[in-house]
Amino acid sequence: MDNIVTQGKAAQLDDIARALGISKTTVSRAISGKGRVSAATRQRVLDCIKEMNYSPNMIAKSFSENKTYNIGVVLPMDNIETEAPFFQTCLMSISKCCALRSYDTVVIGAEKNDLSQLRRVLDSRKADGVIIMRPLQDGSMETLLSEKKMPYVTIGQSTDPDAVIVDSAHSDGCCELTAYLLMNNKPASVGLVLGDMGQTVNRSRYEGFVKAFENSGTPVSAKNIFIGVKSGIQLRAAVEELIRTGCGCLLCGDDMLCMDTVNILAAMGKSIPRDIRVASFYNSMYLDMYSPPITALKFKAGELGSTTASLLLDLIENKDIPRETILGFEMLIRRSTM
């Protein structure tokens, strides 16, 4: 067994069977004490489990209850770099919550047109439930999970009317921040740049922005809205056009778009807030470092993760849970809009 490297991770039954040169059935019989297994073989299995830092009680429990004691967490790989602070904080909270209830987390990468990793996890039944950290507008992940009869909870709004969701009040927060800016700027001078509308969170942000204009009785100017901005070239073109048409206050869909926008404005020789005011629909540690500090909405990613994990585990245990849980926000008014 000298060639076994566990690196702090719990060994799988396959690893134990492979290390000892026996079948998984023999391993399971040795652990459960059921079936014909010699005392010597059972002791070898128990010694191997101990060496590989695995809990025999948990293995036996997983067999008897037909559970893996794993929770799958689907991360959108096309956004993992640009939204690293949010995903990192949220994932850590999910892992801590799961650990407290004897579950491990399995990270599953997914992209719009590639759910192969998620499908493999489902087909091999490597998880008892799944958390979708960023639902897509096409609802493809929810459809796949429903087909496989896998319990799941989404972080963000879902197209599945039966899905259990946990979300921040993005629409209300964006409406409130936009309303504040409309009170302190000419409505016709307030612009918006927003990312991929295939993400439900961006649709919620857009709804909040539009709602603020409707509440104020002011029509939204289409020339001041740029949605689906996915590249630096697109963003620069949008910012330059907004400046050209007299935009005096620029709202960014998230922290990364805001950072890039601030850099573009600096390259153009524009001073914040003297020449143009800037705000973000999402705050992060990156925006906290800017001078002047950026007005933004603050959502608690950690609370979002722990709440979602707790609800999924309750769902797996057939407990009654709410279909929708909405967490609050804080509006940080800073010098970038003063």
C-alpha atoms as a PDB file:
ATOM      1  CA  MET A   1       0.000   0.000   0.000  1.00  0.00           C
ATOM      2  CA  ASP A   2       3.044   2.285  -0.225  1.00  0.00           C
ATOM      3  CA  ASN A   3       1.876   3.671  -3.555  1.00  0.00           C
ATOM      4  CA  ILE A   4      -1.359   5.104  -2.115  1.00  0.00           C
ATOM      5  CA  VAL A   5      -1.498   8.908  -1.982  1.00  0.00           C
ATOM      6  CA  THR A   6      -4.643  10.241  -0.316  1.00  0.00           C
ATOM      7  CA  GLN A   7      -3.616  13.933   0.028  1.00  0.00           C
ATOM      8  CA  GLY A   8      -6.123  14.381   2.845  1.00  0.00           C
ATOM      9  CA  LYS A   9      -9.073  13.172   0.786  1.00  0.00           C
ATOM     10  CA  ALA A  10     -11.327  10.315   1.850  1.00  0.00           C
ATOM     11  CA  ALA A  11     -10.531   7.159  -0.058  1.00  0.00           C
ATOM     12  CA  GLN A  12     -13.188   5.656  -2.276  1.00  0.00           C
ATOM     13  CA  LEU A  13     -14.245   2.001  -2.203  1.00  0.00           C
ATOM     14  CA  ASP A  14     -12.539   1.572  -5.572  1.00  0.00           C
ATOM     15  CA  ASP A  15      -9.261   2.751  -4.034  1.00  0.00           C
ATOM     16  CA  ILE A  16      -9.535   0.319  -1.126  1.00  0.00           C
ATOM     17  CA  ALA A  17     -10.410  -2.600  -3.394  1.00  0.00           C
ATOM     18  CA  ARG A  18      -7.596  -1.713  -5.798  1.00  0.00           C
ATOM     19  CA  ALA A  19      -5.042  -1.312  -3.027  1.00  0.00           C
ATOM     20  CA  LEU A  20      -5.849  -4.735  -1.563  1.00  0.00           C
ATOM     21  CA  GLY A  21      -6.463  -6.522  -4.856  1.00  0.00           C
ATOM     22  CA  ILE A  22      -9.980  -7.569  -3.909  1.00  0.00           C
ATOM     23  CA  SER A  23     -13.469  -6.708  -5.172  1.00  0.00           C
ATOM     24  CA  LYS A  24     -15.646  -3.841  -3.973  1.00  0.00           C
ATOM     25  CA  THR A  25     -18.206  -6.424  -2.894  1.00  0.00           C
ATOM     26  CA  THR A  26     -15.645  -7.978  -0.569  1.00  0.00           C
ATOM     27  CA  VAL A  27     -14.770  -4.535   0.799  1.00  0.00           C
ATOM     28  CA  SER A  28     -18.422  -3.735   1.473  1.00  0.00           C
ATOM     29  CA  ARG A  29     -18.977  -7.108   3.147  1.00  0.00           C
ATOM     30  CA  ALA A  30     -15.937  -6.596   5.346  1.00  0.00           C
ATOM     31  CA  ILE A  31     -17.183  -3.188   6.428  1.00  0.00           C
ATOM     32  CA  SER A  32     -20.781  -4.179   7.002  1.00  0.00           C
ATOM     33  CA  GLY A  33     -19.958  -7.520   8.625  1.00  0.00           C
ATOM     34  CA  LYS A  34     -22.463  -9.210   6.354  1.00  0.00           C
ATOM     35  CA  GLY A  35     -21.604 -12.063   4.009  1.00  0.00           C
ATOM     36  CA  ARG A  36     -18.757 -14.554   4.019  1.00  0.00           C
ATOM     37  CA  VAL A  37     -15.461 -12.731   4.593  1.00  0.00           C
ATOM     38  CA  SER A  38     -12.550 -14.129   6.571  1.00  0.00           C
ATOM     39  CA  ALA A  39     -11.405 -12.400   9.727  1.00  0.00           C
ATOM     40  CA  ALA A  40      -8.004 -11.795   8.130  1.00  0.00           C
ATOM     41  CA  THR A  41      -9.522 -10.101   5.065  1.00  0.00           C
ATOM     42  CA  ARG A  42     -11.812  -7.955   7.207  1.00  0.00           C
ATOM     43  CA  GLN A  43      -8.829  -6.811   9.277  1.00  0.00           C
ATOM     44  CA  ARG A  44      -6.869  -5.959   6.113  1.00  0.00           C
ATOM     45  CA  VAL A  45      -9.791  -3.829   4.915  1.00  0.00           C
ATOM     46  CA  LEU A  46     -10.116  -2.032   8.244  1.00  0.00           C
ATOM     47  CA  ASP A  47      -6.344  -1.389   8.372  1.00  0.00           C
ATOM     48  CA  CYS A  48      -6.447   0.021   4.830  1.00  0.00           C
ATOM     49  CA  ILE A  49      -9.367   2.289   5.672  1.00  0.00           C
ATOM     50  CA  LYS A  50      -7.483   3.592   8.691  1.00  0.00           C
ATOM     51  CA  GLU A  51      -4.350   4.231   6.628  1.00  0.00           C
ATOM     52  CA  MET A  52      -6.359   6.059   4.007  1.00  0.00           C
ATOM     53  CA  ASN A  53      -8.038   8.224   6.651  1.00  0.00           C
ATOM     54  CA  TYR A  54     -11.553   7.033   5.885  1.00  0.00           C
ATOM     55  CA  SER A  55     -14.418   6.394   8.291  1.00  0.00           C
ATOM     56  CA  PRO A  56     -15.680   2.779   8.251  1.00  0.00           C
ATOM     57  CA  ASN A  57     -18.855   3.897  10.002  1.00  0.00           C
ATOM     58  CA  MET A  58     -19.571   6.394   7.222  1.00  0.00           C
ATOM     59  CA  ILE A  59     -18.946   3.779   4.537  1.00  0.00           C
ATOM     60  CA  ALA A  60     -21.278   1.326   6.245  1.00  0.00           C
ATOM     61  CA  LYS A  61     -23.874   4.047   6.710  1.00  0.00           C
ATOM     62  CA  SER A  62     -23.681   5.053   3.047  1.00  0.00           C
ATOM     63  CA  PHE A  63     -24.261   1.448   2.002  1.00  0.00           C
ATOM     64  CA  SER A  64     -27.177   0.849   4.335  1.00  0.00           C
ATOM     65  CA  GLU A  65     -28.881   4.107   3.367  1.00  0.00           C
ATOM     66  CA  ASN A  66     -27.863   4.013  -0.307  1.00  0.00           C
ATOM     67  CA  LYS A  67     -26.204   7.424   0.016  1.00  0.00           C
ATOM     68  CA  THR A  68     -22.877   8.832  -1.083  1.00  0.00           C
ATOM     69  CA  TYR A  69     -22.800  11.662   1.471  1.00  0.00           C
ATOM     70  CA  ASN A  70     -21.584  13.939  -1.322  1.00  0.00           C
ATOM     71  CA  ILE A  71     -23.162  17.175  -2.513  1.00  0.00           C
ATOM     72  CA  GLY A  72     -22.437  18.314  -6.060  1.00  0.00           C
ATOM     73  CA  VAL A  73     -21.824  22.029  -6.640  1.00  0.00           C
ATOM     74  CA  VAL A  74     -22.115  23.168 -10.259  1.00  0.00           C
ATOM     75  CA  LEU A  75     -19.750  26.022 -11.110  1.00  0.00           C
ATOM     76  CA  PRO A  76     -20.096  27.917 -14.421  1.00  0.00           C
ATOM     77  CA  MET A  77     -16.617  27.535 -15.903  1.00  0.00           C
ATOM     78  CA  ASP A  78     -17.141  30.375 -18.366  1.00  0.00           C
ATOM     79  CA  ASN A  79     -17.470  32.827 -15.449  1.00  0.00           C
ATOM     80  CA  ILE A  80     -15.222  31.327 -12.784  1.00  0.00           C
ATOM     81  CA  GLU A  81     -12.344  33.778 -13.334  1.00  0.00           C
ATOM     82  CA  THR A  82     -14.402  36.943 -13.634  1.00  0.00           C
ATOM     83  CA  GLU A  83     -16.514  36.163 -10.570  1.00  0.00           C
ATOM     84  CA  ALA A  84     -13.899  34.421  -8.442  1.00  0.00           C
ATOM     85  CA  PRO A  85     -14.544  36.323  -5.160  1.00  0.00           C
ATOM     86  CA  PHE A  86     -18.260  35.508  -5.167  1.00  0.00           C
ATOM     87  CA  PHE A  87     -17.846  31.841  -6.069  1.00  0.00           C
ATOM     88  CA  GLN A  88     -14.978  31.338  -3.627  1.00  0.00           C
ATOM     89  CA  THR A  89     -16.869  32.805  -0.670  1.00  0.00           C
ATOM     90  CA  CYS A  90     -20.079  31.000  -1.552  1.00  0.00           C
ATOM     91  CA  LEU A  91     -18.349  27.648  -2.093  1.00  0.00           C
ATOM     92  CA  MET A  92     -16.474  27.860   1.216  1.00  0.00           C
ATOM     93  CA  SER A  93     -19.741  28.429   3.079  1.00  0.00           C
ATOM     94  CA  ILE A  94     -21.368  25.512   1.276  1.00  0.00           C
ATOM     95  CA  SER A  95     -18.461  23.226   2.197  1.00  0.00           C
ATOM     96  CA  LYS A  96     -18.508  24.268   5.855  1.00  0.00           C
ATOM     97  CA  CYS A  97     -22.258  23.728   6.149  1.00  0.00           C
ATOM     98  CA  CYS A  98     -22.035  20.310   4.484  1.00  0.00           C
ATOM     99  CA  ALA A  99     -19.107  19.235   6.681  1.00  0.00           C
ATOM    100  CA  LEU A 100     -21.087  20.001   9.820  1.00  0.00           C
ATOM    101  CA  ARG A 101     -23.653  17.457   8.654  1.00  0.00           C
ATOM    102  CA  SER A 102     -21.079  14.832   7.548  1.00  0.00           C
ATOM    103  CA  TYR A 103     -21.291  15.605   3.821  1.00  0.00           C
ATOM    104  CA  ASP A 104     -18.485  16.375   1.383  1.00  0.00           C
ATOM    105  CA  THR A 105     -18.693  18.674  -1.622  1.00  0.00           C
ATOM    106  CA  VAL A 106     -17.888  17.700  -5.201  1.00  0.00           C
ATOM    107  CA  VAL A 107     -17.199  20.572  -7.600  1.00  0.00           C
ATOM    108  CA  ILE A 108     -18.735  20.081 -11.052  1.00  0.00           C
ATOM    109  CA  GLY A 109     -17.699  22.294 -13.951  1.00  0.00           C
ATOM    110  CA  ALA A 110     -20.358  23.270 -16.490  1.00  0.00           C
ATOM    111  CA  GLU A 111     -20.670  25.517 -19.514  1.00  0.00           C
ATOM    112  CA  LYS A 112     -23.655  26.562 -21.587  1.00  0.00           C
ATOM    113  CA  ASN A 113     -23.192  23.921 -24.232  1.00  0.00           C
ATOM    114  CA  ASP A 114     -21.371  21.303 -22.178  1.00  0.00           C
ATOM    115  CA  LEU A 115     -23.023  19.560 -19.244  1.00  0.00           C
ATOM    116  CA  SER A 116     -20.988  16.368 -19.711  1.00  0.00           C
ATOM    117  CA  GLN A 117     -19.316  16.557 -16.297  1.00  0.00           C
ATOM    118  CA  LEU A 118     -22.655  16.999 -14.560  1.00  0.00           C
ATOM    119  CA  ARG A 119     -24.107  14.126 -16.566  1.00  0.00           C
ATOM    120  CA  ARG A 120     -21.208  11.840 -15.542  1.00  0.00           C
ATOM    121  CA  VAL A 121     -21.727  12.627 -11.865  1.00  0.00           C
ATOM    122  CA  LEU A 122     -25.434  11.901 -12.174  1.00  0.00           C
ATOM    123  CA  ASP A 123     -24.992   8.709 -14.192  1.00  0.00           C
ATOM    124  CA  SER A 124     -22.486   7.305 -11.681  1.00  0.00           C
ATOM    125  CA  ARG A 125     -24.609   8.522  -8.765  1.00  0.00           C
ATOM    126  CA  LYS A 126     -21.698  10.281  -7.082  1.00  0.00           C
ATOM    127  CA  ALA A 127     -23.889  12.798  -5.238  1.00  0.00           C
ATOM    128  CA  ASP A 128     -27.083  12.803  -3.202  1.00  0.00           C
ATOM    129  CA  GLY A 129     -28.046  16.307  -4.265  1.00  0.00           C
ATOM    130  CA  VAL A 130     -26.816  19.219  -6.381  1.00  0.00           C
ATOM    131  CA  ILE A 131     -26.467  22.978  -5.964  1.00  0.00           C
ATOM    132  CA  ILE A 132     -26.575  25.072  -9.156  1.00  0.00           C
ATOM    133  CA  MET A 133     -24.560  28.209  -8.434  1.00  0.00           C
ATOM    134  CA  ARG A 134     -25.532  30.085 -11.587  1.00  0.00           C
ATOM    135  CA  PRO A 135     -28.717  28.912 -13.386  1.00  0.00           C
ATOM    136  CA  LEU A 136     -28.894  29.423 -17.137  1.00  0.00           C
ATOM    137  CA  GLN A 137     -31.874  30.976 -18.841  1.00  0.00           C
ATOM    138  CA  ASP A 138     -32.463  27.846 -20.933  1.00  0.00           C
ATOM    139  CA  GLY A 139     -33.004  25.739 -17.797  1.00  0.00           C
ATOM    140  CA  SER A 140     -30.908  22.887 -19.225  1.00  0.00           C
ATOM    141  CA  MET A 141     -29.299  21.949 -15.904  1.00  0.00           C
ATOM    142  CA  GLU A 142     -32.637  21.824 -14.077  1.00  0.00           C
ATOM    143  CA  THR A 143     -34.108  19.668 -16.844  1.00  0.00           C
ATOM    144  CA  LEU A 144     -31.240  17.187 -16.617  1.00  0.00           C
ATOM    145  CA  LEU A 145     -31.438  16.997 -12.813  1.00  0.00           C
ATOM    146  CA  SER A 146     -35.207  16.473 -12.913  1.00  0.00           C
ATOM    147  CA  GLU A 147     -34.841  13.695 -15.476  1.00  0.00           C
ATOM    148  CA  LYS A 148     -32.349  11.948 -13.187  1.00  0.00           C
ATOM    149  CA  LYS A 149     -34.622  12.531 -10.168  1.00  0.00           C
ATOM    150  CA  MET A 150     -31.787  14.286  -8.351  1.00  0.00           C
ATOM    151  CA  PRO A 151     -32.694  16.746  -5.562  1.00  0.00           C
ATOM    152  CA  TYR A 152     -31.313  20.211  -6.284  1.00  0.00           C
ATOM    153  CA  VAL A 153     -31.416  23.827  -5.184  1.00  0.00           C
ATOM    154  CA  THR A 154     -30.481  26.809  -7.347  1.00  0.00           C
ATOM    155  CA  ILE A 155     -28.669  29.949  -6.265  1.00  0.00           C
ATOM    156  CA  GLY A 156     -30.603  32.449  -8.349  1.00  0.00           C
ATOM    157  CA  GLN A 157     -33.916  32.368 -10.162  1.00  0.00           C
ATOM    158  CA  SER A 158     -34.832  29.239 -12.100  1.00  0.00           C
ATOM    159  CA  THR A 159     -36.995  28.642 -15.139  1.00  0.00           C
ATOM    160  CA  ASP A 160     -38.340  25.526 -13.398  1.00  0.00           C
ATOM    161  CA  PRO A 161     -41.468  26.582 -11.450  1.00  0.00           C
ATOM    162  CA  ASP A 162     -40.980  23.638  -9.073  1.00  0.00           C
ATOM    163  CA  ALA A 163     -37.319  24.341  -8.281  1.00  0.00           C
ATOM    164  CA  VAL A 164     -36.222  25.253  -4.768  1.00  0.00           C
ATOM    165  CA  ILE A 165     -34.339  28.529  -5.071  1.00  0.00           C
ATOM    166  CA  VAL A 166     -32.234  30.739  -2.842  1.00  0.00           C
ATOM    167  CA  ASP A 167     -31.514  34.188  -4.164  1.00  0.00           C
ATOM    168  CA  SER A 168     -30.505  37.677  -3.190  1.00  0.00           C
ATOM    169  CA  ALA A 169     -32.977  40.476  -3.825  1.00  0.00           C
ATOM    170  CA  HIS A 170     -31.174  41.535  -7.001  1.00  0.00           C
ATOM    171  CA  SER A 171     -34.159  43.109  -8.719  1.00  0.00           C
ATOM    172  CA  ASP A 172     -35.199  45.113  -5.637  1.00  0.00           C
ATOM    173  CA  GLY A 173     -31.625  46.166  -4.923  1.00  0.00           C
ATOM    174  CA  CYS A 174     -30.942  47.281  -8.487  1.00  0.00           C
ATOM    175  CA  CYS A 175     -34.249  49.156  -8.509  1.00  0.00           C
ATOM    176  CA  GLU A 176     -33.349  50.971  -5.289  1.00  0.00           C
ATOM    177  CA  LEU A 177     -29.847  51.908  -6.431  1.00  0.00           C
ATOM    178  CA  THR A 178     -31.119  53.090  -9.824  1.00  0.00           C
ATOM    179  CA  ALA A 179     -33.843  55.142  -8.108  1.00  0.00           C
ATOM    180  CA  TYR A 180     -31.205  56.818  -5.937  1.00  0.00           C
ATOM    181  CA  LEU A 181     -29.166  57.732  -8.998  1.00  0.00           C
ATOM    182  CA  LEU A 182     -32.232  59.021 -10.828  1.00  0.00           C
ATOM    183  CA  MET A 183     -32.907  61.405  -7.943  1.00  0.00           C
ATOM    184  CA  ASN A 184     -29.406  62.827  -8.186  1.00  0.00           C
ATOM    185  CA  ASN A 185     -28.890  62.825 -11.955  1.00  0.00           C
ATOM    186  CA  LYS A 186     -30.852  63.689 -15.045  1.00  0.00           C
ATOM    187  CA  PRO A 187     -32.648  60.444 -16.050  1.00  0.00           C
ATOM    188  CA  ALA A 188     -31.550  60.839 -19.645  1.00  0.00           C
ATOM    189  CA  SER A 189     -27.918  60.820 -18.519  1.00  0.00           C
ATOM    190  CA  VAL A 190     -28.037  57.501 -16.620  1.00  0.00           C
ATOM    191  CA  GLY A 191     -26.518  54.640 -18.622  1.00  0.00           C
ATOM    192  CA  LEU A 192     -26.228  50.887 -18.096  1.00  0.00           C
ATOM    193  CA  VAL A 193     -23.721  48.241 -19.191  1.00  0.00           C
ATOM    194  CA  LEU A 194     -24.691  44.654 -18.444  1.00  0.00           C
ATOM    195  CA  GLY A 195     -23.170  41.246 -19.190  1.00  0.00           C
ATOM    196  CA  ASP A 196     -24.548  37.970 -20.532  1.00  0.00           C
ATOM    197  CA  MET A 197     -28.361  38.010 -20.494  1.00  0.00           C
ATOM    198  CA  GLY A 198     -28.335  34.215 -20.615  1.00  0.00           C
ATOM    199  CA  GLN A 199     -27.684  34.384 -16.869  1.00  0.00           C
ATOM    200  CA  THR A 200     -30.808  34.809 -14.766  1.00  0.00           C
ATOM    201  CA  VAL A 201     -29.030  37.176 -12.367  1.00  0.00           C
ATOM    202  CA  ASN A 202     -28.435  39.693 -15.157  1.00  0.00           C
ATOM    203  CA  ARG A 203     -32.072  39.522 -16.184  1.00  0.00           C
ATOM    204  CA  SER A 204     -33.031  40.339 -12.591  1.00  0.00           C
ATOM    205  CA  ARG A 205     -30.624  43.269 -12.586  1.00  0.00           C
ATOM    206  CA  TYR A 206     -32.089  44.593 -15.814  1.00  0.00           C
ATOM    207  CA  GLU A 207     -35.639  44.249 -14.465  1.00  0.00           C
ATOM    208  CA  GLY A 208     -34.688  46.293 -11.408  1.00  0.00           C
ATOM    209  CA  PHE A 209     -33.112  49.016 -13.552  1.00  0.00           C
ATOM    210  CA  VAL A 210     -36.185  49.308 -15.785  1.00  0.00           C
ATOM    211  CA  LYS A 211     -38.559  49.215 -12.810  1.00  0.00           C
ATOM    212  CA  ALA A 212     -36.872  52.247 -11.247  1.00  0.00           C
ATOM    213  CA  PHE A 213     -37.502  54.266 -14.420  1.00  0.00           C
ATOM    214  CA  GLU A 214     -41.119  53.096 -14.539  1.00  0.00           C
ATOM    215  CA  ASN A 215     -41.652  54.058 -10.894  1.00  0.00           C
ATOM    216  CA  SER A 216     -40.274  57.518 -11.569  1.00  0.00           C
ATOM    217  CA  GLY A 217     -42.522  57.986 -14.614  1.00  0.00           C
ATOM    218  CA  THR A 218     -39.476  58.413 -16.832  1.00  0.00           C
ATOM    219  CA  PRO A 219     -39.061  56.425 -20.063  1.00  0.00           C
ATOM    220  CA  VAL A 220     -35.904  54.361 -20.460  1.00  0.00           C
ATOM    221  CA  SER A 221     -33.669  55.536 -23.280  1.00  0.00           C
ATOM    222  CA  ALA A 222     -32.553  52.574 -25.387  1.00  0.00           C
ATOM    223  CA  LYS A 223     -29.420  54.432 -26.481  1.00  0.00           C
ATOM    224  CA  ASN A 224     -28.219  54.430 -22.868  1.00  0.00           C
ATOM    225  CA  ILE A 225     -28.447  50.646 -22.407  1.00  0.00           C
ATOM    226  CA  PHE A 226     -25.806  48.150 -23.522  1.00  0.00           C
ATOM    227  CA  ILE A 227     -26.573  44.522 -22.644  1.00  0.00           C
ATOM    228  CA  GLY A 228     -24.773  41.297 -23.477  1.00  0.00           C
ATOM    229  CA  VAL A 229     -21.355  42.944 -23.069  1.00  0.00           C
ATOM    230  CA  LYS A 230     -18.881  40.043 -23.001  1.00  0.00           C
ATOM    231  CA  SER A 231     -15.514  41.435 -24.030  1.00  0.00           C
ATOM    232  CA  GLY A 232     -13.212  44.357 -23.346  1.00  0.00           C
ATOM    233  CA  ILE A 233     -13.661  45.579 -26.901  1.00  0.00           C
ATOM    234  CA  GLN A 234     -17.461  45.611 -26.548  1.00  0.00           C
ATOM    235  CA  LEU A 235     -17.240  47.364 -23.188  1.00  0.00           C
ATOM    236  CA  ARG A 236     -14.894  50.057 -24.461  1.00  0.00           C
ATOM    237  CA  ALA A 237     -17.173  50.726 -27.425  1.00  0.00           C
ATOM    238  CA  ALA A 238     -20.169  50.974 -25.082  1.00  0.00           C
ATOM    239  CA  VAL A 239     -18.417  53.351 -22.675  1.00  0.00           C
ATOM    240  CA  GLU A 240     -17.178  55.573 -25.501  1.00  0.00           C
ATOM    241  CA  GLU A 241     -20.677  55.753 -26.992  1.00  0.00           C
ATOM    242  CA  LEU A 242     -22.258  56.596 -23.629  1.00  0.00           C
ATOM    243  CA  ILE A 243     -19.726  59.383 -23.084  1.00  0.00           C
ATOM    244  CA  ARG A 244     -20.344  60.693 -26.596  1.00  0.00           C
ATOM    245  CA  THR A 245     -24.107  60.890 -26.040  1.00  0.00           C
ATOM    246  CA  GLY A 246     -23.775  62.760 -22.749  1.00  0.00           C
ATOM    247  CA  CYS A 247     -23.952  60.026 -20.104  1.00  0.00           C
ATOM    248  CA  GLY A 248     -23.249  61.556 -16.707  1.00  0.00           C
ATOM    249  CA  CYS A 249     -23.785  58.473 -14.558  1.00  0.00           C
ATOM    250  CA  LEU A 250     -22.814  54.955 -15.545  1.00  0.00           C
ATOM    251  CA  LEU A 251     -24.236  51.826 -13.887  1.00  0.00           C
ATOM    252  CA  CYS A 252     -22.295  48.581 -14.281  1.00  0.00           C
ATOM    253  CA  GLY A 253     -23.888  45.146 -13.984  1.00  0.00           C
ATOM    254  CA  ASP A 254     -21.213  43.705 -11.682  1.00  0.00           C
ATOM    255  CA  ASP A 255     -17.875  44.376 -10.035  1.00  0.00           C
ATOM    256  CA  MET A 256     -15.705  43.075 -12.882  1.00  0.00           C
ATOM    257  CA  LEU A 257     -17.488  45.162 -15.502  1.00  0.00           C
ATOM    258  CA  CYS A 258     -17.157  48.127 -13.165  1.00  0.00           C
ATOM    259  CA  MET A 259     -13.413  47.626 -12.691  1.00  0.00           C
ATOM    260  CA  ASP A 260     -12.858  47.481 -16.436  1.00  0.00           C
ATOM    261  CA  THR A 261     -15.105  50.514 -16.927  1.00  0.00           C
ATOM    262  CA  VAL A 262     -13.146  52.557 -14.394  1.00  0.00           C
ATOM    263  CA  ASN A 263      -9.900  51.647 -16.158  1.00  0.00           C
ATOM    264  CA  ILE A 264     -11.348  52.606 -19.546  1.00  0.00           C
ATOM    265  CA  LEU A 265     -12.526  55.953 -18.170  1.00  0.00           C
ATOM    266  CA  ALA A 266      -9.078  56.595 -16.692  1.00  0.00           C
ATOM    267  CA  ALA A 267      -7.466  55.854 -20.074  1.00  0.00           C
ATOM    268  CA  MET A 268      -9.879  58.367 -21.624  1.00  0.00           C
ATOM    269  CA  GLY A 269      -8.778  60.989 -19.099  1.00  0.00           C
ATOM    270  CA  LYS A 270     -12.160  61.022 -17.333  1.00  0.00           C
ATOM    271  CA  SER A 271     -12.228  61.717 -13.598  1.00  0.00           C
ATOM    272  CA  ILE A 272     -14.704  60.044 -11.212  1.00  0.00           C
ATOM    273  CA  PRO A 273     -16.983  61.616 -10.036  1.00  0.00           C
ATOM    274  CA  ARG A 274     -16.030  65.018 -11.482  1.00  0.00           C
ATOM    275  CA  ASP A 275     -16.582  64.067 -15.137  1.00  0.00           C
ATOM    276  CA  ILE A 276     -18.814  61.032 -14.706  1.00  0.00           C
ATOM    277  CA  ARG A 277     -20.352  59.132 -11.805  1.00  0.00           C
ATOM    278  CA  VAL A 278     -20.008  55.353 -11.581  1.00  0.00           C
ATOM    279  CA  ALA A 279     -21.872  52.652  -9.614  1.00  0.00           C
ATOM    280  CA  SER A 280     -22.061  48.851  -9.607  1.00  0.00           C
ATOM    281  CA  PHE A 281     -24.923  46.428  -9.098  1.00  0.00           C
ATOM    282  CA  TYR A 282     -22.513  44.149  -7.219  1.00  0.00           C
ATOM    283  CA  ASN A 283     -19.766  44.969  -4.736  1.00  0.00           C
ATOM    284  CA  SER A 284     -16.617  42.959  -4.036  1.00  0.00           C
ATOM    285  CA  MET A 285     -13.250  43.403  -2.361  1.00  0.00           C
ATOM    286  CA  TYR A 286     -11.921  44.651  -5.694  1.00  0.00           C
ATOM    287  CA  LEU A 287     -14.192  47.698  -5.675  1.00  0.00           C
ATOM    288  CA  ASP A 288     -13.314  48.371  -2.038  1.00  0.00           C
ATOM    289  CA  MET A 289      -9.745  49.091  -3.136  1.00  0.00           C
ATOM    290  CA  TYR A 290     -10.604  51.777  -5.698  1.00  0.00           C
ATOM    291  CA  SER A 291     -10.160  55.486  -5.167  1.00  0.00           C
ATOM    292  CA  PRO A 292     -12.637  57.016  -5.039  1.00  0.00           C
ATOM    293  CA  PRO A 293     -14.645  54.172  -3.447  1.00  0.00           C
ATOM    294  CA  ILE A 294     -17.368  52.860  -5.772  1.00  0.00           C
ATOM    295  CA  THR A 295     -21.065  53.039  -4.907  1.00  0.00           C
ATOM    296  CA  ALA A 296     -22.409  49.489  -5.067  1.00  0.00           C
ATOM    297  CA  LEU A 297     -24.871  46.898  -3.799  1.00  0.00           C
ATOM    298  CA  LYS A 298     -23.550  44.492  -1.189  1.00  0.00           C
ATOM    299  CA  PHE A 299     -24.900  40.946  -1.061  1.00  0.00           C
ATOM    300  CA  LYS A 300     -23.770  38.308   1.452  1.00  0.00           C
ATOM    301  CA  ALA A 301     -22.277  35.505  -0.636  1.00  0.00           C
ATOM    302  CA  GLY A 302     -21.391  33.485   2.456  1.00  0.00           C
ATOM    303  CA  GLU A 303     -24.932  33.532   3.803  1.00  0.00           C
ATOM    304  CA  LEU A 304     -26.200  32.622   0.353  1.00  0.00           C
ATOM    305  CA  GLY A 305     -23.989  29.524   0.273  1.00  0.00           C
ATOM    306  CA  SER A 306     -24.743  28.280   3.786  1.00  0.00           C
ATOM    307  CA  THR A 307     -28.498  28.823   3.397  1.00  0.00           C
ATOM    308  CA  THR A 308     -28.536  26.933   0.099  1.00  0.00           C
ATOM    309  CA  ALA A 309     -26.543  23.993   1.471  1.00  0.00           C
ATOM    310  CA  SER A 310     -28.750  23.734   4.545  1.00  0.00           C
ATOM    311  CA  LEU A 311     -31.926  23.708   2.462  1.00  0.00           C
ATOM    312  CA  LEU A 312     -30.587  21.057   0.078  1.00  0.00           C
ATOM    313  CA  LEU A 313     -29.610  18.775   2.955  1.00  0.00           C
ATOM    314  CA  ASP A 314     -33.076  19.239   4.458  1.00  0.00           C
ATOM    315  CA  LEU A 315     -34.592  18.425   1.070  1.00  0.00           C
ATOM    316  CA  ILE A 316     -32.548  15.219   0.868  1.00  0.00           C
ATOM    317  CA  GLU A 317     -33.826  14.277   4.324  1.00  0.00           C
ATOM    318  CA  ASN A 318     -37.421  14.886   3.156  1.00  0.00           C
ATOM    319  CA  LYS A 319     -37.970  17.814   5.499  1.00  0.00           C
ATOM    320  CA  ASP A 320     -40.445  20.579   4.684  1.00  0.00           C
ATOM    321  CA  ILE A 321     -38.630  23.572   3.200  1.00  0.00           C
ATOM    322  CA  PRO A 322     -39.733  26.820   1.515  1.00  0.00           C
ATOM    323  CA  ARG A 323     -39.696  26.835  -2.281  1.00  0.00           C
ATOM    324  CA  GLU A 324     -38.150  30.307  -2.366  1.00  0.00           C
ATOM    325  CA  THR A 325     -35.797  32.060   0.053  1.00  0.00           C
ATOM    326  CA  ILE A 326     -34.769  35.650  -0.705  1.00  0.00           C
ATOM    327  CA  LEU A 327     -31.890  37.277   1.172  1.00  0.00           C
ATOM    328  CA  GLY A 328     -31.466  41.028   1.597  1.00  0.00           C
ATOM    329  CA  PHE A 329     -28.886  43.550   0.435  1.00  0.00           C
ATOM    330  CA  GLU A 330     -27.115  46.711   1.550  1.00  0.00           C
ATOM    331  CA  MET A 331     -26.682  49.827  -0.563  1.00  0.00           C
ATOM    332  CA  LEU A 332     -23.206  51.343  -0.164  1.00  0.00           C
ATOM    333  CA  ILE A 333     -23.294  55.007  -1.144  1.00  0.00           C
ATOM    334  CA  ARG A 334     -19.732  56.143  -1.795  1.00  0.00           C
ATOM    335  CA  ARG A 335     -17.855  59.043  -3.327  1.00  0.00           C
ATOM    336  CA  SER A 336     -18.019  57.724  -6.901  1.00  0.00           C
ATOM    337  CA  THR A 337     -21.617  59.022  -7.178  1.00  0.00           C
ATOM    338  CA  MET A 338     -21.390  62.129  -5.009  1.00  0.00           C
END
